[in-house]
Each structure stands twice: as structure tokens, then as C-alpha cells.
Amino acid sequence: MDINMPDKDFHLHNSFAFWIGRLAQQMQEQFNRDLKEHDISWHQWALLNVMLHGVAKTPAQAADAIGADRSTVTRMLDRLEKRGLTTREHDGLDRRVVKIALTKDAMALMTQLNQLAQAHQTQFLSELPSTEYRSLRGSLVKMLRAGGVDATNLWQRVN
């Protein structure tokens, strides 16, 4: 085979990246439609969710937990703070550290949004028997690890 010629045997529809990306896009688009009535995006929900579960107490932890860069998280926090859903406060011992928290309004909203999220996920997973569901979770964790992301501790609880 000529080194400058692409391999014609590899087809787009044989690409796991294509199919996983397409599934993720489909899941996010459908969830975004449900979130729109609450004026929340999928990424904002993800940020609020990791804050709700105590995974992220600083913007840096939030960025790591949702796979976003810190400037994106800062902009999201700006918007959410203006809406009265989050607060930021400098740590008393180290003013360089910014602590983030949900307001009572955000906690009430997250009760509704997490119910939507659960129903949405159930819709997509309803085709899988429990053994395939657990296998999918394990495979995703392994594939992420192969890409340099350790999701083991992030995947807190799977029904």
C-alpha cells in the first residue's frame, strides 16, 4: 500500500467515534428540548448537577467533572449567578480559592431537571437488558480510560 494513499477499507460507518458521537448528539439534543422550557442548557444542567452532588465545590473541580475548560465554566457560572441559581465566595483561608454553591432556587429546579434527566436516560436505555446496560457502562469506562480519562470515580451510581 502506498503510504500517501488513505486506507479505503475503513468506512465512516465502521467508526465507533462516529456512532458514539451521533448517539451523544441525539441524546443531548432531545434533553436540550426538555431543558429549554426551564431556560437551561445541557451544559448548564451538567454543571448544576455536579454541584448538587458535591462533586464540584470550585470552578476548577466543576470543569474537570464536566469535561469543560475553566473559562467556559466561569461564563456559565456568571449566567447562573445572574439568574440566582449559584453563588461564588472566596475561601476565608485562601482568597485565591473560589467556592461555588447552589441556591435554594437551584436545588428546587434541580429536583425537576433530574427527574427529566432520569426519564430521558430511561428512554434511551429501555432497549437494553440489564446485562447489556452494565456491560455498556463498563465498556464506556474502559474506552474513556484508553483515551486518558478515568471516569471510574465520576460514574457514581448506575441503576
C-alpha atoms as a PDB file:
ATOM      1  CA  MET A   1       0.000   0.000   0.000  1.00  0.00           C
ATOM      2  CA  ASP A   2       1.249   3.475  -0.871  1.00  0.00           C
ATOM      3  CA  ILE A   3       1.923   5.378   2.357  1.00  0.00           C
ATOM      4  CA  ASN A   4       0.350   8.535   0.923  1.00  0.00           C
ATOM      5  CA  MET A   5      -2.894   6.818  -0.046  1.00  0.00           C
ATOM      6  CA  PRO A   6      -5.666   6.621   2.537  1.00  0.00           C
ATOM      7  CA  ASP A   7      -6.939   3.203   3.545  1.00  0.00           C
ATOM      8  CA  LYS A   8     -10.136   2.781   1.532  1.00  0.00           C
ATOM      9  CA  ASP A   9     -11.214  -0.173   3.667  1.00  0.00           C
ATOM     10  CA  PHE A  10     -12.060   1.970   6.690  1.00  0.00           C
ATOM     11  CA  HIS A  11     -15.547   3.357   6.257  1.00  0.00           C
ATOM     12  CA  LEU A  12     -17.139   6.107   8.349  1.00  0.00           C
ATOM     13  CA  HIS A  13     -19.946   3.775   9.364  1.00  0.00           C
ATOM     14  CA  ASN A  14     -17.372   1.401  10.892  1.00  0.00           C
ATOM     15  CA  SER A  15     -16.173   4.188  13.201  1.00  0.00           C
ATOM     16  CA  PHE A  16     -17.135   3.918  16.849  1.00  0.00           C
ATOM     17  CA  ALA A  17     -16.350   7.633  17.206  1.00  0.00           C
ATOM     18  CA  PHE A  18     -18.982   8.397  14.566  1.00  0.00           C
ATOM     19  CA  TRP A  19     -21.692   6.296  16.228  1.00  0.00           C
ATOM     20  CA  ILE A  20     -20.902   7.311  19.809  1.00  0.00           C
ATOM     21  CA  GLY A  21     -20.802  10.954  18.734  1.00  0.00           C
ATOM     22  CA  ARG A  22     -24.079  10.622  16.888  1.00  0.00           C
ATOM     23  CA  LEU A  23     -25.742   8.973  19.888  1.00  0.00           C
ATOM     24  CA  ALA A  24     -24.399  11.635  22.263  1.00  0.00           C
ATOM     25  CA  GLN A  25     -25.615  14.390  19.950  1.00  0.00           C
ATOM     26  CA  GLN A  26     -29.067  12.811  19.700  1.00  0.00           C
ATOM     27  CA  MET A  27     -29.339  12.366  23.469  1.00  0.00           C
ATOM     28  CA  GLN A  28     -28.195  15.927  24.175  1.00  0.00           C
ATOM     29  CA  GLU A  29     -30.475  17.485  21.556  1.00  0.00           C
ATOM     30  CA  GLN A  30     -33.535  15.703  22.917  1.00  0.00           C
ATOM     31  CA  PHE A  31     -32.674  16.584  26.515  1.00  0.00           C
ATOM     32  CA  ASN A  32     -31.990  20.205  25.491  1.00  0.00           C
ATOM     33  CA  ARG A  33     -35.541  20.428  24.130  1.00  0.00           C
ATOM     34  CA  ASP A  34     -36.876  19.440  27.557  1.00  0.00           C
ATOM     35  CA  LEU A  35     -34.493  21.799  29.349  1.00  0.00           C
ATOM     36  CA  LYS A  36     -35.378  24.739  27.107  1.00  0.00           C
ATOM     37  CA  GLU A  37     -38.659  25.366  28.933  1.00  0.00           C
ATOM     38  CA  HIS A  38     -36.562  25.949  32.078  1.00  0.00           C
ATOM     39  CA  ASP A  39     -34.089  28.195  30.194  1.00  0.00           C
ATOM     40  CA  ILE A  40     -31.233  25.803  30.987  1.00  0.00           C
ATOM     41  CA  SER A  41     -28.828  24.183  28.530  1.00  0.00           C
ATOM     42  CA  TRP A  42     -27.455  20.657  28.773  1.00  0.00           C
ATOM     43  CA  HIS A  43     -24.053  22.018  29.817  1.00  0.00           C
ATOM     44  CA  GLN A  44     -25.590  24.243  32.499  1.00  0.00           C
ATOM     45  CA  TRP A  45     -27.575  21.271  33.811  1.00  0.00           C
ATOM     46  CA  ALA A  46     -24.356  19.225  33.945  1.00  0.00           C
ATOM     47  CA  LEU A  47     -22.659  21.980  35.960  1.00  0.00           C
ATOM     48  CA  LEU A  48     -25.598  22.317  38.357  1.00  0.00           C
ATOM     49  CA  ASN A  49     -25.742  18.533  38.708  1.00  0.00           C
ATOM     50  CA  VAL A  50     -22.107  18.083  39.767  1.00  0.00           C
ATOM     51  CA  MET A  51     -22.535  20.948  42.212  1.00  0.00           C
ATOM     52  CA  LEU A  52     -25.706  19.377  43.621  1.00  0.00           C
ATOM     53  CA  HIS A  53     -23.942  16.060  44.224  1.00  0.00           C
ATOM     54  CA  GLY A  54     -20.877  17.643  45.841  1.00  0.00           C
ATOM     55  CA  VAL A  55     -18.549  16.547  43.052  1.00  0.00           C
ATOM     56  CA  ALA A  56     -17.593  20.174  42.362  1.00  0.00           C
ATOM     57  CA  LYS A  57     -17.087  22.813  45.042  1.00  0.00           C
ATOM     58  CA  THR A  58     -14.794  25.044  42.975  1.00  0.00           C
ATOM     59  CA  PRO A  59     -14.883  26.143  39.333  1.00  0.00           C
ATOM     60  CA  ALA A  60     -11.769  24.048  38.623  1.00  0.00           C
ATOM     61  CA  GLN A  61     -13.394  20.917  40.058  1.00  0.00           C
ATOM     62  CA  ALA A  62     -16.521  21.661  38.028  1.00  0.00           C
ATOM     63  CA  ALA A  63     -14.517  22.000  34.819  1.00  0.00           C
ATOM     64  CA  ASP A  64     -12.810  18.659  35.445  1.00  0.00           C
ATOM     65  CA  ALA A  65     -16.071  16.929  36.361  1.00  0.00           C
ATOM     66  CA  ILE A  66     -17.987  18.010  33.251  1.00  0.00           C
ATOM     67  CA  GLY A  67     -15.092  17.945  30.798  1.00  0.00           C
ATOM     68  CA  ALA A  68     -15.137  21.676  30.049  1.00  0.00           C
ATOM     69  CA  ASP A  69     -12.440  24.313  30.155  1.00  0.00           C
ATOM     70  CA  ARG A  70     -12.349  26.683  33.113  1.00  0.00           C
ATOM     71  CA  SER A  71     -13.281  29.785  31.125  1.00  0.00           C
ATOM     72  CA  THR A  72     -16.448  28.058  29.880  1.00  0.00           C
ATOM     73  CA  VAL A  73     -17.382  27.139  33.448  1.00  0.00           C
ATOM     74  CA  THR A  74     -16.747  30.725  34.575  1.00  0.00           C
ATOM     75  CA  ARG A  75     -19.094  32.062  31.872  1.00  0.00           C
ATOM     76  CA  MET A  76     -21.761  29.519  32.822  1.00  0.00           C
ATOM     77  CA  LEU A  77     -21.410  30.464  36.490  1.00  0.00           C
ATOM     78  CA  ASP A  78     -21.773  34.150  35.545  1.00  0.00           C
ATOM     79  CA  ARG A  79     -25.088  33.411  33.799  1.00  0.00           C
ATOM     80  CA  LEU A  80     -26.359  31.099  36.523  1.00  0.00           C
ATOM     81  CA  GLU A  81     -25.400  33.569  39.253  1.00  0.00           C
ATOM     82  CA  LYS A  82     -27.311  36.367  37.468  1.00  0.00           C
ATOM     83  CA  ARG A  83     -30.363  34.087  37.490  1.00  0.00           C
ATOM     84  CA  GLY A  84     -29.987  33.488  41.219  1.00  0.00           C
ATOM     85  CA  LEU A  85     -29.089  29.809  40.845  1.00  0.00           C
ATOM     86  CA  THR A  86     -25.472  29.797  42.042  1.00  0.00           C
ATOM     87  CA  THR A  87     -23.217  31.742  44.385  1.00  0.00           C
ATOM     88  CA  ARG A  88     -19.465  32.271  44.448  1.00  0.00           C
ATOM     89  CA  GLU A  89     -17.468  33.160  47.504  1.00  0.00           C
ATOM     90  CA  HIS A  90     -13.752  33.453  48.184  1.00  0.00           C
ATOM     91  CA  ASP A  91     -12.363  30.990  50.699  1.00  0.00           C
ATOM     92  CA  GLY A  92     -11.652  32.652  54.046  1.00  0.00           C
ATOM     93  CA  LEU A  93      -8.232  30.999  54.374  1.00  0.00           C
ATOM     94  CA  ASP A  94      -7.053  31.322  50.777  1.00  0.00           C
ATOM     95  CA  ARG A  95      -8.641  34.141  48.759  1.00  0.00           C
ATOM     96  CA  ARG A  96      -7.372  32.566  45.526  1.00  0.00           C
ATOM     97  CA  VAL A  97      -9.831  29.715  46.055  1.00  0.00           C
ATOM     98  CA  VAL A  98     -13.396  30.392  44.931  1.00  0.00           C
ATOM     99  CA  LYS A  99     -16.136  28.206  46.400  1.00  0.00           C
ATOM    100  CA  ILE A 100     -19.297  27.658  44.365  1.00  0.00           C
ATOM    101  CA  ALA A 101     -22.700  26.627  45.670  1.00  0.00           C
ATOM    102  CA  LEU A 102     -26.295  26.209  44.594  1.00  0.00           C
ATOM    103  CA  THR A 103     -29.041  28.467  45.881  1.00  0.00           C
ATOM    104  CA  LYS A 104     -32.337  27.146  47.239  1.00  0.00           C
ATOM    105  CA  ASP A 105     -33.944  28.063  43.910  1.00  0.00           C
ATOM    106  CA  ALA A 106     -31.380  25.946  42.075  1.00  0.00           C
ATOM    107  CA  MET A 107     -31.977  22.985  44.374  1.00  0.00           C
ATOM    108  CA  ALA A 108     -35.714  23.162  43.722  1.00  0.00           C
ATOM    109  CA  LEU A 109     -35.102  23.446  39.980  1.00  0.00           C
ATOM    110  CA  MET A 110     -32.679  20.515  40.016  1.00  0.00           C
ATOM    111  CA  THR A 111     -35.340  18.262  41.530  1.00  0.00           C
ATOM    112  CA  GLN A 112     -37.414  18.836  38.393  1.00  0.00           C
ATOM    113  CA  LEU A 113     -34.490  18.704  35.974  1.00  0.00           C
ATOM    114  CA  ASN A 114     -33.075  15.489  37.391  1.00  0.00           C
ATOM    115  CA  GLN A 115     -36.477  13.849  37.011  1.00  0.00           C
ATOM    116  CA  LEU A 116     -36.407  14.915  33.355  1.00  0.00           C
ATOM    117  CA  ALA A 117     -32.853  13.586  33.026  1.00  0.00           C
ATOM    118  CA  GLN A 118     -33.805  10.219  34.505  1.00  0.00           C
ATOM    119  CA  ALA A 119     -36.818   9.865  32.207  1.00  0.00           C
ATOM    120  CA  HIS A 120     -34.720  10.890  29.227  1.00  0.00           C
ATOM    121  CA  GLN A 121     -31.967   8.377  30.010  1.00  0.00           C
ATOM    122  CA  THR A 122     -34.511   5.626  30.665  1.00  0.00           C
ATOM    123  CA  GLN A 123     -35.977   6.219  27.205  1.00  0.00           C
ATOM    124  CA  PHE A 124     -32.608   5.607  25.551  1.00  0.00           C
ATOM    125  CA  LEU A 125     -31.643   2.661  27.739  1.00  0.00           C
ATOM    126  CA  SER A 126     -35.028   0.932  27.578  1.00  0.00           C
ATOM    127  CA  GLU A 127     -33.877  -1.243  24.664  1.00  0.00           C
ATOM    128  CA  LEU A 128     -31.055  -2.776  26.723  1.00  0.00           C
ATOM    129  CA  PRO A 129     -31.473  -5.699  29.115  1.00  0.00           C
ATOM    130  CA  SER A 130     -29.732  -5.131  32.464  1.00  0.00           C
ATOM    131  CA  THR A 131     -26.720  -7.260  31.485  1.00  0.00           C
ATOM    132  CA  GLU A 132     -26.123  -5.158  28.362  1.00  0.00           C
ATOM    133  CA  TYR A 133     -26.647  -1.983  30.368  1.00  0.00           C
ATOM    134  CA  ARG A 134     -23.908  -2.940  32.850  1.00  0.00           C
ATOM    135  CA  SER A 135     -21.674  -4.083  30.005  1.00  0.00           C
ATOM    136  CA  LEU A 136     -22.142  -0.765  28.189  1.00  0.00           C
ATOM    137  CA  ARG A 137     -21.190   1.153  31.308  1.00  0.00           C
ATOM    138  CA  GLY A 138     -18.071  -0.952  31.787  1.00  0.00           C
ATOM    139  CA  SER A 139     -17.095  -0.611  28.137  1.00  0.00           C
ATOM    140  CA  LEU A 140     -17.514   3.172  28.214  1.00  0.00           C
ATOM    141  CA  VAL A 141     -15.320   3.439  31.319  1.00  0.00           C
ATOM    142  CA  LYS A 142     -12.621   1.319  29.630  1.00  0.00           C
ATOM    143  CA  MET A 143     -12.783   3.298  26.378  1.00  0.00           C
ATOM    144  CA  LEU A 144     -12.550   6.605  28.251  1.00  0.00           C
ATOM    145  CA  ARG A 145      -9.563   5.265  30.203  1.00  0.00           C
ATOM    146  CA  ALA A 146      -7.894   4.338  26.895  1.00  0.00           C
ATOM    147  CA  GLY A 147      -8.375   7.976  25.886  1.00  0.00           C
ATOM    148  CA  GLY A 148      -6.792   9.258  29.086  1.00  0.00           C
ATOM    149  CA  VAL A 149      -9.961   9.913  31.125  1.00  0.00           C
ATOM    150  CA  ASP A 150     -10.523   7.986  34.347  1.00  0.00           C
ATOM    151  CA  ALA A 151     -14.304   8.029  34.742  1.00  0.00           C
ATOM    152  CA  THR A 152     -14.419   5.264  37.357  1.00  0.00           C
ATOM    153  CA  ASN A 153     -14.931   7.616  40.310  1.00  0.00           C
ATOM    154  CA  LEU A 154     -17.124  10.011  38.336  1.00  0.00           C
ATOM    155  CA  TRP A 155     -19.622   7.300  37.492  1.00  0.00           C
ATOM    156  CA  GLN A 156     -21.080   7.409  40.976  1.00  0.00           C
ATOM    157  CA  ARG A 157     -24.156   5.267  40.706  1.00  0.00           C
ATOM    158  CA  VAL A 158     -25.696   3.257  37.946  1.00  0.00           C
ATOM    159  CA  ASN A 159     -29.047   1.561  38.420  1.00  0.00           C
END
